[in-house]
N, C-alpha and C. Protein backbone atom coordinates (compact mmCIF):
# COMPACT_ATOMS: atom_id res chain seq x y z
N MET A 1 -6.45 74.41 31.62
CA MET A 1 -6.14 72.97 31.83
C MET A 1 -7.47 72.23 32.20
N GLU A 2 -7.75 71.30 31.49
CA GLU A 2 -9.01 70.44 31.56
C GLU A 2 -9.13 69.59 32.69
N ARG A 3 -10.13 69.73 33.21
CA ARG A 3 -10.43 68.70 34.69
C ARG A 3 -10.95 67.43 34.01
N SER A 4 -10.56 66.33 34.85
CA SER A 4 -11.22 65.12 34.76
C SER A 4 -11.80 64.56 36.01
N ARG A 5 -12.78 63.99 35.77
CA ARG A 5 -13.68 63.39 36.98
C ARG A 5 -13.80 61.91 36.78
N LEU A 6 -13.65 61.39 37.89
CA LEU A 6 -13.53 59.75 37.86
C LEU A 6 -14.87 59.18 38.94
N ARG A 7 -15.55 58.60 38.36
CA ARG A 7 -16.74 58.11 38.96
C ARG A 7 -16.46 56.57 39.11
N LYS A 8 -16.65 56.05 40.08
CA LYS A 8 -16.10 54.59 40.53
C LYS A 8 -17.31 53.78 40.87
N LYS A 9 -17.90 52.38 40.59
CA LYS A 9 -18.84 51.63 40.98
C LYS A 9 -18.29 50.97 41.67
N LEU A 10 -18.96 50.44 43.03
CA LEU A 10 -18.48 49.69 44.15
C LEU A 10 -18.62 48.31 42.99
N PRO A 11 -17.80 47.11 43.73
CA PRO A 11 -17.65 46.16 43.16
C PRO A 11 -19.07 44.98 43.61
N SER A 12 -19.35 44.21 42.25
CA SER A 12 -20.39 43.75 42.81
C SER A 12 -20.25 41.89 42.39
N THR A 13 -20.66 41.16 42.90
CA THR A 13 -20.57 39.69 43.08
C THR A 13 -21.49 39.23 41.99
N ALA A 14 -21.00 38.24 41.52
CA ALA A 14 -22.10 37.49 40.61
C ALA A 14 -21.74 35.87 40.57
N LYS A 15 -22.61 35.10 40.63
CA LYS A 15 -22.32 33.52 40.12
C LYS A 15 -22.57 33.30 38.73
N VAL A 16 -21.73 33.16 37.89
CA VAL A 16 -21.87 32.87 36.48
C VAL A 16 -21.97 31.64 36.56
N GLY A 17 -22.91 30.81 35.55
CA GLY A 17 -22.95 29.22 35.34
C GLY A 17 -22.78 29.10 33.84
N GLN A 18 -21.96 28.48 33.80
CA GLN A 18 -21.61 27.79 32.22
C GLN A 18 -21.71 26.40 31.91
N ASP A 19 -22.29 26.25 30.94
CA ASP A 19 -22.76 24.98 30.53
C ASP A 19 -21.58 23.98 30.45
N ARG A 20 -21.60 23.00 31.22
CA ARG A 20 -20.32 21.97 31.19
C ARG A 20 -18.85 22.46 31.11
N LYS A 21 -18.08 21.36 30.94
CA LYS A 21 -16.71 21.94 30.56
C LYS A 21 -16.57 22.72 29.48
N ALA A 22 -17.51 22.45 28.31
CA ALA A 22 -17.12 23.24 27.24
C ALA A 22 -17.36 24.82 27.27
N GLY A 23 -18.62 24.98 28.30
CA GLY A 23 -18.92 26.43 28.42
C GLY A 23 -18.19 27.08 29.29
N LEU A 24 -17.57 26.41 30.49
CA LEU A 24 -16.43 26.97 31.31
C LEU A 24 -15.14 27.46 30.29
N ALA A 25 -14.83 26.50 29.60
CA ALA A 25 -13.68 26.57 28.45
C ALA A 25 -13.84 28.01 28.00
N GLY A 26 -14.75 28.17 27.34
CA GLY A 26 -15.31 29.40 26.63
C GLY A 26 -15.50 30.53 27.23
N TRP A 27 -15.87 30.26 28.67
CA TRP A 27 -15.74 31.73 29.61
C TRP A 27 -14.52 32.16 29.93
N ILE A 28 -13.45 30.81 29.94
CA ILE A 28 -12.22 31.14 30.29
C ILE A 28 -11.20 31.73 29.08
N ARG A 29 -11.88 31.40 27.92
CA ARG A 29 -10.84 31.74 26.58
C ARG A 29 -11.47 33.24 26.60
N THR A 30 -12.51 33.73 27.03
CA THR A 30 -13.17 35.21 26.62
C THR A 30 -12.72 36.00 27.59
N THR A 31 -13.15 35.60 28.98
CA THR A 31 -12.65 36.36 30.12
C THR A 31 -11.22 36.48 30.61
N TRP A 32 -10.50 35.41 30.47
CA TRP A 32 -9.15 35.80 30.61
C TRP A 32 -8.41 35.85 29.17
N LEU A 33 -8.96 36.40 28.28
CA LEU A 33 -8.05 36.99 27.19
C LEU A 33 -7.11 37.76 27.44
N PRO A 34 -7.09 38.71 28.20
CA PRO A 34 -5.74 39.68 28.15
C PRO A 34 -4.69 38.82 28.91
N ASN A 35 -4.82 37.75 29.48
CA ASN A 35 -4.12 36.96 30.29
C ASN A 35 -3.14 35.87 29.21
N THR A 36 -4.27 35.06 28.51
CA THR A 36 -3.79 34.04 27.88
C THR A 36 -3.24 34.54 26.51
N LEU A 37 -3.49 35.46 26.00
CA LEU A 37 -2.55 36.32 24.90
C LEU A 37 -1.56 36.22 25.31
N ARG A 38 -0.90 36.36 26.15
CA ARG A 38 0.29 36.26 26.77
C ARG A 38 1.30 34.83 26.53
N LEU A 39 0.50 34.10 26.55
CA LEU A 39 0.94 32.72 26.21
C LEU A 39 1.23 32.39 24.94
N PRO A 40 2.27 31.42 24.39
CA PRO A 40 2.12 30.95 22.98
C PRO A 40 1.02 30.46 22.56
N GLN A 41 0.45 30.88 21.33
CA GLN A 41 -0.60 30.66 20.83
C GLN A 41 -0.87 28.98 20.80
N GLU A 42 0.03 28.17 20.40
CA GLU A 42 0.11 26.82 20.47
C GLU A 42 -0.03 26.22 21.83
N LEU A 43 0.27 26.81 22.94
CA LEU A 43 -0.19 26.28 24.14
C LEU A 43 -1.46 26.99 24.85
N ARG A 44 -2.15 27.74 24.17
CA ARG A 44 -3.25 28.41 24.90
C ARG A 44 -4.32 27.43 25.28
N GLU A 45 -4.75 26.63 24.11
CA GLU A 45 -5.97 25.76 24.32
C GLU A 45 -5.54 24.67 25.39
N GLN A 46 -4.21 24.30 25.30
CA GLN A 46 -3.90 23.08 26.19
C GLN A 46 -4.01 23.84 27.70
N PHE A 47 -3.64 25.12 27.84
CA PHE A 47 -3.72 25.93 29.10
C PHE A 47 -5.39 26.08 29.58
N ILE A 48 -6.03 26.34 28.60
CA ILE A 48 -7.49 26.43 28.99
C ILE A 48 -7.95 25.15 29.41
N ASP A 49 -7.85 24.41 28.62
CA ASP A 49 -8.32 22.85 28.87
C ASP A 49 -7.85 22.44 30.06
N THR A 50 -6.68 22.58 30.68
CA THR A 50 -5.75 22.01 31.97
C THR A 50 -6.64 22.85 33.00
N LEU A 51 -6.96 24.30 32.78
CA LEU A 51 -7.64 24.94 33.76
C LEU A 51 -8.83 24.49 34.11
N ALA A 52 -9.85 24.39 32.87
CA ALA A 52 -11.19 23.96 33.22
C ALA A 52 -11.21 22.62 33.91
N ASN A 53 -10.54 21.89 33.66
CA ASN A 53 -10.46 20.39 34.12
C ASN A 53 -9.98 20.18 35.85
N ARG A 54 -8.81 21.31 36.11
CA ARG A 54 -8.51 21.50 37.70
C ARG A 54 -9.64 22.02 38.30
N TYR A 55 -10.46 23.18 37.53
CA TYR A 55 -11.44 23.71 38.03
C TYR A 55 -12.72 22.82 38.59
N LEU A 56 -12.89 21.87 37.50
CA LEU A 56 -14.21 21.00 37.50
C LEU A 56 -13.79 19.97 38.75
N ARG A 57 -12.67 20.03 39.02
CA ARG A 57 -11.89 18.56 40.03
C ARG A 57 -12.51 19.18 41.36
N GLU A 58 -12.00 20.57 41.40
CA GLU A 58 -12.28 21.24 42.70
C GLU A 58 -14.00 21.82 42.83
N MET A 59 -14.73 21.92 42.02
CA MET A 59 -15.86 22.77 42.13
C MET A 59 -16.74 21.69 40.85
N SER A 60 -17.57 20.94 41.53
CA SER A 60 -18.24 20.01 40.31
C SER A 60 -19.24 20.76 40.08
N LEU A 61 -20.03 20.29 38.62
CA LEU A 61 -21.00 20.60 38.25
C LEU A 61 -22.33 20.93 39.29
N THR A 62 -23.06 21.83 38.90
CA THR A 62 -24.37 21.86 39.45
C THR A 62 -25.21 20.69 38.76
N ARG A 63 -26.34 20.06 39.74
CA ARG A 63 -27.44 19.48 39.04
C ARG A 63 -27.82 19.68 37.89
N GLU A 64 -27.91 20.85 37.35
CA GLU A 64 -28.26 21.41 35.99
C GLU A 64 -27.17 21.30 34.98
N GLY A 65 -26.08 20.90 35.55
CA GLY A 65 -24.98 20.73 34.69
C GLY A 65 -24.20 21.82 34.39
N LYS A 66 -24.10 23.01 35.27
CA LYS A 66 -23.47 24.05 34.96
C LYS A 66 -22.25 24.05 36.06
N ALA A 67 -21.28 24.93 35.67
CA ALA A 67 -20.07 24.97 36.15
C ALA A 67 -20.27 26.43 36.88
N SER A 68 -20.40 26.75 37.94
CA SER A 68 -20.42 27.82 39.10
C SER A 68 -19.27 28.49 39.26
N VAL A 69 -19.25 29.70 38.92
CA VAL A 69 -17.97 30.56 39.00
C VAL A 69 -18.45 32.13 39.48
N ALA A 70 -17.85 31.99 40.88
CA ALA A 70 -18.32 33.41 41.52
C ALA A 70 -17.21 34.39 41.20
N MET A 71 -17.70 35.59 40.68
CA MET A 71 -16.67 36.44 40.08
C MET A 71 -17.19 38.10 40.69
N MET A 72 -16.01 38.89 40.73
CA MET A 72 -16.49 40.27 41.01
C MET A 72 -16.11 41.11 39.86
N ARG A 73 -16.71 42.06 39.65
CA ARG A 73 -16.56 43.05 38.57
C ARG A 73 -16.39 44.44 39.38
N LEU A 74 -15.56 45.00 39.03
CA LEU A 74 -15.24 46.26 39.21
C LEU A 74 -15.36 47.41 37.89
N GLU A 75 -16.44 48.35 37.74
CA GLU A 75 -16.58 49.09 36.77
C GLU A 75 -16.29 50.63 37.11
N VAL A 76 -15.18 50.84 36.22
CA VAL A 76 -14.66 52.55 36.40
C VAL A 76 -14.86 53.05 35.18
N GLU A 77 -15.52 54.58 35.46
CA GLU A 77 -15.98 55.10 34.21
C GLU A 77 -15.31 56.56 34.30
N ALA A 78 -14.19 56.86 33.51
CA ALA A 78 -13.74 58.18 33.72
C ALA A 78 -14.27 59.07 32.61
N ILE A 79 -14.83 60.45 33.24
CA ILE A 79 -15.21 61.40 32.24
C ILE A 79 -14.36 62.90 32.19
N LYS A 80 -13.78 63.09 31.07
CA LYS A 80 -13.22 64.09 30.89
C LYS A 80 -13.80 65.25 30.38
N LYS A 81 -13.83 66.52 31.34
CA LYS A 81 -14.46 67.64 31.04
C LYS A 81 -13.61 68.60 30.72
């Protein structure tokens, strides 16, 4: 029987700065891909646009024109031996 070992990195937080609304929409489009793929294709861009607009309504752009997004990343690496 083979044994597997699992290594886990602790979550790290980072602030991601995206250029204006277009950058934020692009970040949502790629980062949220597993979720947005569940939407009908004809509704995806409208959903992303609405989400970006609502986010920017609550969290305004920085002085540099960036949309600041705090995120947490959890990395898990499995090694099969």
